[in-house]
Amino acid sequence: MASQKQSTPVVKGVRTFLQTIAGLLVGLVAAVWSVPGVPEAVTAYVQANFVPLLIGLAVFVGIPSGVVAWLQNRLGK
């Protein structure tokens, strides 16, 4: 059984944020990795732009999904 600390709205929001980022990255890689030239281009881009890419994903995908999950869990109690 999960402890009360692990099921707070904040923890659920952070967990959703992390799951969204991981799912987005896995889905992107799985969808386009087999296209010729993509692995090399993606690898070069990520090496040159890792921090801005991570911040962009967090701002536009992860944070909104985490906030929505937090609100749903907060209002659901």
PDB file of N, CA and C in Angstrom:
ATOM      1  N   MET A   1       0.839  -1.173   0.000  1.00  0.00           N
ATOM      2  CA  MET A   1       0.000   0.000   0.000  1.00  0.00           C
ATOM      3  C   MET A   1       0.891   1.245   0.000  1.00  0.00           C
ATOM      4  N   ALA A   2       0.525   2.228  -0.829  1.00  0.00           N
ATOM      5  CA  ALA A   2       1.316   3.448  -0.920  1.00  0.00           C
ATOM      6  C   ALA A   2       1.103   4.303   0.315  1.00  0.00           C
ATOM      7  N   SER A   3       2.173   4.904   0.755  1.00  0.00           N
ATOM      8  CA  SER A   3       2.049   5.788   1.910  1.00  0.00           C
ATOM      9  C   SER A   3       1.351   7.077   1.489  1.00  0.00           C
ATOM     10  N   GLN A   4       0.868   7.810   2.454  1.00  0.00           N
ATOM     11  CA  GLN A   4       0.166   9.060   2.174  1.00  0.00           C
ATOM     12  C   GLN A   4       1.093  10.059   1.490  1.00  0.00           C
ATOM     13  N   LYS A   5       2.373  10.034   1.842  1.00  0.00           N
ATOM     14  CA  LYS A   5       3.332  10.969   1.261  1.00  0.00           C
ATOM     15  C   LYS A   5       3.487  10.743  -0.240  1.00  0.00           C
ATOM     16  N   GLN A   6       3.407   9.507  -0.695  1.00  0.00           N
ATOM     17  CA  GLN A   6       3.613   9.202  -2.107  1.00  0.00           C
ATOM     18  C   GLN A   6       2.392   9.485  -2.962  1.00  0.00           C
ATOM     19  N   SER A   7       1.249   9.746  -2.377  1.00  0.00           N
ATOM     20  CA  SER A   7       0.050   9.956  -3.172  1.00  0.00           C
ATOM     21  C   SER A   7      -0.503  11.376  -3.048  1.00  0.00           C
ATOM     22  N   THR A   8       0.344  12.325  -2.703  1.00  0.00           N
ATOM     23  CA  THR A   8      -0.112  13.709  -2.633  1.00  0.00           C
ATOM     24  C   THR A   8      -0.268  14.261  -4.044  1.00  0.00           C
ATOM     25  N   PRO A   9      -1.064  15.311  -4.227  1.00  0.00           N
ATOM     26  CA  PRO A   9      -1.214  15.906  -5.546  1.00  0.00           C
ATOM     27  C   PRO A   9       0.111  16.366  -6.156  1.00  0.00           C
ATOM     28  N   VAL A  10       1.014  16.898  -5.338  1.00  0.00           N
ATOM     29  CA  VAL A  10       2.306  17.358  -5.854  1.00  0.00           C
ATOM     30  C   VAL A  10       3.122  16.184  -6.381  1.00  0.00           C
ATOM     31  N   VAL A  11       3.179  15.103  -5.633  1.00  0.00           N
ATOM     32  CA  VAL A  11       3.940  13.928  -6.063  1.00  0.00           C
ATOM     33  C   VAL A  11       3.341  13.356  -7.338  1.00  0.00           C
ATOM     34  N   LYS A  12       2.020  13.298  -7.414  1.00  0.00           N
ATOM     35  CA  LYS A  12       1.372  12.792  -8.621  1.00  0.00           C
ATOM     36  C   LYS A  12       1.644  13.708  -9.811  1.00  0.00           C
ATOM     37  N   GLY A  13       1.655  15.011  -9.587  1.00  0.00           N
ATOM     38  CA  GLY A  13       1.960  15.953 -10.661  1.00  0.00           C
ATOM     39  C   GLY A  13       3.380  15.810 -11.165  1.00  0.00           C
ATOM     40  N   VAL A  14       4.333  15.670 -10.248  1.00  0.00           N
ATOM     41  CA  VAL A  14       5.738  15.490 -10.639  1.00  0.00           C
ATOM     42  C   VAL A  14       5.911  14.163 -11.367  1.00  0.00           C
ATOM     43  N   ARG A  15       5.260  13.120 -10.875  1.00  0.00           N
ATOM     44  CA  ARG A  15       5.355  11.816 -11.535  1.00  0.00           C
ATOM     45  C   ARG A  15       4.788  11.885 -12.953  1.00  0.00           C
ATOM     46  N   THR A  16       3.672  12.581 -13.137  1.00  0.00           N
ATOM     47  CA  THR A  16       3.090  12.741 -14.465  1.00  0.00           C
ATOM     48  C   THR A  16       4.021  13.531 -15.368  1.00  0.00           C
ATOM     49  N   PHE A  17       4.659  14.567 -14.833  1.00  0.00           N
ATOM     50  CA  PHE A  17       5.630  15.348 -15.593  1.00  0.00           C
ATOM     51  C   PHE A  17       6.747  14.455 -16.119  1.00  0.00           C
ATOM     52  N   LEU A  18       7.319  13.646 -15.247  1.00  0.00           N
ATOM     53  CA  LEU A  18       8.422  12.767 -15.647  1.00  0.00           C
ATOM     54  C   LEU A  18       7.958  11.701 -16.630  1.00  0.00           C
ATOM     55  N   GLN A  19       6.783  11.138 -16.423  1.00  0.00           N
ATOM     56  CA  GLN A  19       6.264  10.126 -17.333  1.00  0.00           C
ATOM     57  C   GLN A  19       5.985  10.715 -18.708  1.00  0.00           C
ATOM     58  N   THR A  20       5.510  11.948 -18.760  1.00  0.00           N
ATOM     59  CA  THR A  20       5.233  12.595 -20.036  1.00  0.00           C
ATOM     60  C   THR A  20       6.511  12.830 -20.823  1.00  0.00           C
ATOM     61  N   ILE A  21       7.536  13.335 -20.169  1.00  0.00           N
ATOM     62  CA  ILE A  21       8.815  13.563 -20.848  1.00  0.00           C
ATOM     63  C   ILE A  21       9.390  12.243 -21.348  1.00  0.00           C
ATOM     64  N   ALA A  22       9.400  11.217 -20.510  1.00  0.00           N
ATOM     65  CA  ALA A  22       9.939   9.914 -20.909  1.00  0.00           C
ATOM     66  C   ALA A  22       9.135   9.323 -22.055  1.00  0.00           C
ATOM     67  N   GLY A  23       7.825   9.389 -21.978  1.00  0.00           N
ATOM     68  CA  GLY A  23       6.978   8.849 -23.041  1.00  0.00           C
ATOM     69  C   GLY A  23       7.164   9.583 -24.351  1.00  0.00           C
ATOM     70  N   LEU A  24       7.302  10.899 -24.284  1.00  0.00           N
ATOM     71  CA  LEU A  24       7.520  11.685 -25.490  1.00  0.00           C
ATOM     72  C   LEU A  24       8.831  11.302 -26.162  1.00  0.00           C
ATOM     73  N   LEU A  25       9.886  11.189 -25.381  1.00  0.00           N
ATOM     74  CA  LEU A  25      11.187  10.832 -25.945  1.00  0.00           C
ATOM     75  C   LEU A  25      11.178   9.425 -26.532  1.00  0.00           C
ATOM     76  N   VAL A  26      10.598   8.468 -25.822  1.00  0.00           N
ATOM     77  CA  VAL A  26      10.540   7.092 -26.323  1.00  0.00           C
ATOM     78  C   VAL A  26       9.692   7.024 -27.584  1.00  0.00           C
ATOM     79  N   GLY A  27       8.554   7.695 -27.596  1.00  0.00           N
ATOM     80  CA  GLY A  27       7.695   7.699 -28.775  1.00  0.00           C
ATOM     81  C   GLY A  27       8.364   8.343 -29.972  1.00  0.00           C
ATOM     82  N   LEU A  28       9.062   9.423 -29.761  1.00  0.00           N
ATOM     83  CA  LEU A  28       9.761  10.093 -30.852  1.00  0.00           C
ATOM     84  C   LEU A  28      10.838   9.199 -31.439  1.00  0.00           C
ATOM     85  N   VAL A  29      11.613   8.591 -30.587  1.00  0.00           N
ATOM     86  CA  VAL A  29      12.683   7.707 -31.057  1.00  0.00           C
ATOM     87  C   VAL A  29      12.101   6.506 -31.786  1.00  0.00           C
ATOM     88  N   ALA A  30      11.067   5.893 -31.234  1.00  0.00           N
ATOM     89  CA  ALA A  30      10.472   4.712 -31.856  1.00  0.00           C
ATOM     90  C   ALA A  30       9.839   5.043 -33.199  1.00  0.00           C
ATOM     91  N   ALA A  31       9.279   6.229 -33.344  1.00  0.00           N
ATOM     92  CA  ALA A  31       8.577   6.590 -34.570  1.00  0.00           C
ATOM     93  C   ALA A  31       9.511   6.946 -35.717  1.00  0.00           C
ATOM     94  N   VAL A  32      10.617   7.588 -35.443  1.00  0.00           N
ATOM     95  CA  VAL A  32      11.434   8.109 -36.540  1.00  0.00           C
ATOM     96  C   VAL A  32      12.833   7.519 -36.633  1.00  0.00           C
ATOM     97  N   TRP A  33      13.217   6.668 -35.718  1.00  0.00           N
ATOM     98  CA  TRP A  33      14.601   6.208 -35.679  1.00  0.00           C
ATOM     99  C   TRP A  33      14.983   5.365 -36.888  1.00  0.00           C
ATOM    100  N   SER A  34      14.029   4.671 -37.500  1.00  0.00           N
ATOM    101  CA  SER A  34      14.361   3.783 -38.617  1.00  0.00           C
ATOM    102  C   SER A  34      14.485   4.515 -39.952  1.00  0.00           C
ATOM    103  N   VAL A  35      14.139   5.781 -40.008  1.00  0.00           N
ATOM    104  CA  VAL A  35      14.259   6.550 -41.243  1.00  0.00           C
ATOM    105  C   VAL A  35      15.740   6.810 -41.508  1.00  0.00           C
ATOM    106  N   PRO A  36      16.214   6.559 -42.741  1.00  0.00           N
ATOM    107  CA  PRO A  36      17.638   6.751 -43.042  1.00  0.00           C
ATOM    108  C   PRO A  36      18.103   8.186 -42.757  1.00  0.00           C
ATOM    109  N   GLY A  37      19.219   8.293 -42.072  1.00  0.00           N
ATOM    110  CA  GLY A  37      19.814   9.581 -41.749  1.00  0.00           C
ATOM    111  C   GLY A  37      19.322  10.207 -40.458  1.00  0.00           C
ATOM    112  N   VAL A  38      18.218   9.729 -39.942  1.00  0.00           N
ATOM    113  CA  VAL A  38      17.650  10.320 -38.727  1.00  0.00           C
ATOM    114  C   VAL A  38      18.526  10.082 -37.498  1.00  0.00           C
ATOM    115  N   PRO A  39      19.008   8.855 -37.265  1.00  0.00           N
ATOM    116  CA  PRO A  39      19.829   8.666 -36.058  1.00  0.00           C
ATOM    117  C   PRO A  39      21.031   9.610 -35.991  1.00  0.00           C
ATOM    118  N   GLU A  40      21.695   9.804 -37.108  1.00  0.00           N
ATOM    119  CA  GLU A  40      22.861  10.689 -37.122  1.00  0.00           C
ATOM    120  C   GLU A  40      22.455  12.138 -36.875  1.00  0.00           C
ATOM    121  N   ALA A  41      21.380  12.575 -37.525  1.00  0.00           N
ATOM    122  CA  ALA A  41      20.930  13.956 -37.366  1.00  0.00           C
ATOM    123  C   ALA A  41      20.444  14.215 -35.939  1.00  0.00           C
ATOM    124  N   VAL A  42      19.694  13.279 -35.388  1.00  0.00           N
ATOM    125  CA  VAL A  42      19.179  13.452 -34.025  1.00  0.00           C
ATOM    126  C   VAL A  42      20.320  13.458 -33.023  1.00  0.00           C
ATOM    127  N   THR A  43      21.256  12.544 -33.187  1.00  0.00           N
ATOM    128  CA  THR A  43      22.397  12.477 -32.276  1.00  0.00           C
ATOM    129  C   THR A  43      23.201  13.774 -32.313  1.00  0.00           C
ATOM    130  N   ALA A  44      23.450  14.297 -33.508  1.00  0.00           N
ATOM    131  CA  ALA A  44      24.197  15.548 -33.631  1.00  0.00           C
ATOM    132  C   ALA A  44      23.429  16.714 -33.004  1.00  0.00           C
ATOM    133  N   TYR A  45      22.117  16.757 -33.234  1.00  0.00           N
ATOM    134  CA  TYR A  45      21.308  17.846 -32.676  1.00  0.00           C
ATOM    135  C   TYR A  45      21.283  17.795 -31.152  1.00  0.00           C
ATOM    136  N   VAL A  46      21.079  16.614 -30.606  1.00  0.00           N
ATOM    137  CA  VAL A  46      21.006  16.480 -29.150  1.00  0.00           C
ATOM    138  C   VAL A  46      22.341  16.822 -28.508  1.00  0.00           C
ATOM    139  N   GLN A  47      23.433  16.403 -29.137  1.00  0.00           N
ATOM    140  CA  GLN A  47      24.749  16.729 -28.581  1.00  0.00           C
ATOM    141  C   GLN A  47      24.981  18.232 -28.561  1.00  0.00           C
ATOM    142  N   ALA A  48      24.490  18.935 -29.571  1.00  0.00           N
ATOM    143  CA  ALA A  48      24.703  20.379 -29.647  1.00  0.00           C
ATOM    144  C   ALA A  48      23.693  21.174 -28.814  1.00  0.00           C
ATOM    145  N   ASN A  49      22.508  20.613 -28.603  1.00  0.00           N
ATOM    146  CA  ASN A  49      21.422  21.385 -27.987  1.00  0.00           C
ATOM    147  C   ASN A  49      20.731  20.657 -26.843  1.00  0.00           C
ATOM    148  N   PHE A  50      21.437  19.883 -26.056  1.00  0.00           N
ATOM    149  CA  PHE A  50      20.795  19.053 -25.036  1.00  0.00           C
ATOM    150  C   PHE A  50      20.029  19.875 -24.002  1.00  0.00           C
ATOM    151  N   VAL A  51      20.647  20.883 -23.437  1.00  0.00           N
ATOM    152  CA  VAL A  51      19.998  21.667 -22.382  1.00  0.00           C
ATOM    153  C   VAL A  51      18.796  22.444 -22.925  1.00  0.00           C
ATOM    154  N   PRO A  52      18.923  23.175 -24.045  1.00  0.00           N
ATOM    155  CA  PRO A  52      17.728  23.862 -24.567  1.00  0.00           C
ATOM    156  C   PRO A  52      16.611  22.892 -24.949  1.00  0.00           C
ATOM    157  N   LEU A  53      16.966  21.718 -25.473  1.00  0.00           N
ATOM    158  CA  LEU A  53      15.960  20.720 -25.825  1.00  0.00           C
ATOM    159  C   LEU A  53      15.231  20.236 -24.581  1.00  0.00           C
ATOM    160  N   LEU A  54      15.975  19.940 -23.542  1.00  0.00           N
ATOM    161  CA  LEU A  54      15.377  19.463 -22.296  1.00  0.00           C
ATOM    162  C   LEU A  54      14.493  20.534 -21.663  1.00  0.00           C
ATOM    163  N   ILE A  55      14.948  21.771 -21.679  1.00  0.00           N
ATOM    164  CA  ILE A  55      14.149  22.865 -21.121  1.00  0.00           C
ATOM    165  C   ILE A  55      12.879  23.073 -21.945  1.00  0.00           C
ATOM    166  N   GLY A  56      13.005  23.007 -23.264  1.00  0.00           N
ATOM    167  CA  GLY A  56      11.831  23.161 -24.125  1.00  0.00           C
ATOM    168  C   GLY A  56      10.801  22.076 -23.892  1.00  0.00           C
ATOM    169  N   LEU A  57      11.261  20.833 -23.774  1.00  0.00           N
ATOM    170  CA  LEU A  57      10.334  19.735 -23.494  1.00  0.00           C
ATOM    171  C   LEU A  57       9.666  19.914 -22.140  1.00  0.00           C
ATOM    172  N   ALA A  58      10.434  20.337 -21.165  1.00  0.00           N
ATOM    173  CA  ALA A  58       9.869  20.528 -19.829  1.00  0.00           C
ATOM    174  C   ALA A  58       8.821  21.635 -19.832  1.00  0.00           C
ATOM    175  N   VAL A  59       9.131  22.753 -20.490  1.00  0.00           N
ATOM    176  CA  VAL A  59       8.234  23.907 -20.467  1.00  0.00           C
ATOM    177  C   VAL A  59       6.953  23.653 -21.253  1.00  0.00           C
ATOM    178  N   PHE A  60       7.081  23.069 -22.438  1.00  0.00           N
ATOM    179  CA  PHE A  60       5.915  22.956 -23.313  1.00  0.00           C
ATOM    180  C   PHE A  60       5.136  21.657 -23.164  1.00  0.00           C
ATOM    181  N   VAL A  61       5.730  20.636 -22.569  1.00  0.00           N
ATOM    182  CA  VAL A  61       5.042  19.351 -22.453  1.00  0.00           C
ATOM    183  C   VAL A  61       4.929  18.906 -21.001  1.00  0.00           C
ATOM    184  N   GLY A  62       6.048  18.796 -20.325  1.00  0.00           N
ATOM    185  CA  GLY A  62       6.058  18.210 -18.990  1.00  0.00           C
ATOM    186  C   GLY A  62       5.381  19.042 -17.926  1.00  0.00           C
ATOM    187  N   ILE A  63       5.707  20.318 -17.861  1.00  0.00           N
ATOM    188  CA  ILE A  63       5.138  21.166 -16.817  1.00  0.00           C
ATOM    189  C   ILE A  63       3.621  21.294 -16.961  1.00  0.00           C
ATOM    190  N   PRO A  64       3.097  21.563 -18.174  1.00  0.00           N
ATOM    191  CA  PRO A  64       1.628  21.619 -18.280  1.00  0.00           C
ATOM    192  C   PRO A  64       0.944  20.317 -17.879  1.00  0.00           C
ATOM    193  N   SER A  65       1.495  19.184 -18.272  1.00  0.00           N
ATOM    194  CA  SER A  65       0.861  17.916 -17.892  1.00  0.00           C
ATOM    195  C   SER A  65       0.963  17.679 -16.390  1.00  0.00           C
ATOM    196  N   GLY A  66       2.073  18.063 -15.787  1.00  0.00           N
ATOM    197  CA  GLY A  66       2.206  17.940 -14.339  1.00  0.00           C
ATOM    198  C   GLY A  66       1.236  18.838 -13.594  1.00  0.00           C
ATOM    199  N   VAL A  67       1.038  20.056 -14.091  1.00  0.00           N
ATOM    200  CA  VAL A  67       0.098  20.983 -13.458  1.00  0.00           C
ATOM    201  C   VAL A  67      -1.334  20.468 -13.595  1.00  0.00           C
ATOM    202  N   VAL A  68      -1.683  19.950 -14.769  1.00  0.00           N
ATOM    203  CA  VAL A  68      -3.023  19.390 -14.960  1.00  0.00           C
ATOM    204  C   VAL A  68      -3.250  18.218 -14.015  1.00  0.00           C
ATOM    205  N   ALA A  69      -2.267  17.334 -13.898  1.00  0.00           N
ATOM    206  CA  ALA A  69      -2.401  16.196 -12.981  1.00  0.00           C
ATOM    207  C   ALA A  69      -2.532  16.679 -11.544  1.00  0.00           C
ATOM    208  N   TRP A  70      -1.760  17.680 -11.173  1.00  0.00           N
ATOM    209  CA  TRP A  70      -1.852  18.226  -9.817  1.00  0.00           C
ATOM    210  C   TRP A  70      -3.244  18.795  -9.559  1.00  0.00           C
ATOM    211  N   LEU A  71      -3.758  19.568 -10.532  1.00  0.00           N
ATOM    212  CA  LEU A  71      -5.090  20.145 -10.367  1.00  0.00           C
ATOM    213  C   LEU A  71      -6.161  19.064 -10.256  1.00  0.00           C
ATOM    214  N   GLN A  72      -6.073  18.056 -11.107  1.00  0.00           N
ATOM    215  CA  GLN A  72      -7.056  16.976 -11.054  1.00  0.00           C
ATOM    216  C   GLN A  72      -7.016  16.264  -9.711  1.00  0.00           C
ATOM    217  N   ASN A  73      -5.832  16.006  -9.216  1.00  0.00           N
ATOM    218  CA  ASN A  73      -5.713  15.323  -7.934  1.00  0.00           C
ATOM    219  C   ASN A  73      -6.104  16.232  -6.773  1.00  0.00           C
ATOM    220  N   ARG A  74      -5.821  17.495  -6.889  1.00  0.00           N
ATOM    221  CA  ARG A  74      -6.163  18.451  -5.834  1.00  0.00           C
ATOM    222  C   ARG A  74      -7.675  18.648  -5.751  1.00  0.00           C
ATOM    223  N   LEU A  75      -8.311  18.789  -6.913  1.00  0.00           N
ATOM    224  CA  LEU A  75      -9.750  19.016  -6.943  1.00  0.00           C
ATOM    225  C   LEU A  75     -10.541  17.733  -6.717  1.00  0.00           C
ATOM    226  N   GLY A  76      -9.904  16.600  -6.951  1.00  0.00           N
ATOM    227  CA  GLY A  76     -10.587  15.322  -6.800  1.00  0.00           C
ATOM    228  C   GLY A  76     -10.761  14.878  -5.365  1.00  0.00           C
ATOM    229  N   LYS A  77     -10.076  15.509  -4.435  1.00  0.00           N
ATOM    230  CA  LYS A  77     -10.168  15.097  -3.024  1.00  0.00           C
ATOM    231  C   LYS A  77     -11.421  15.605  -2.376  1.00  0.00           C
TER     232      LYS A  77
END
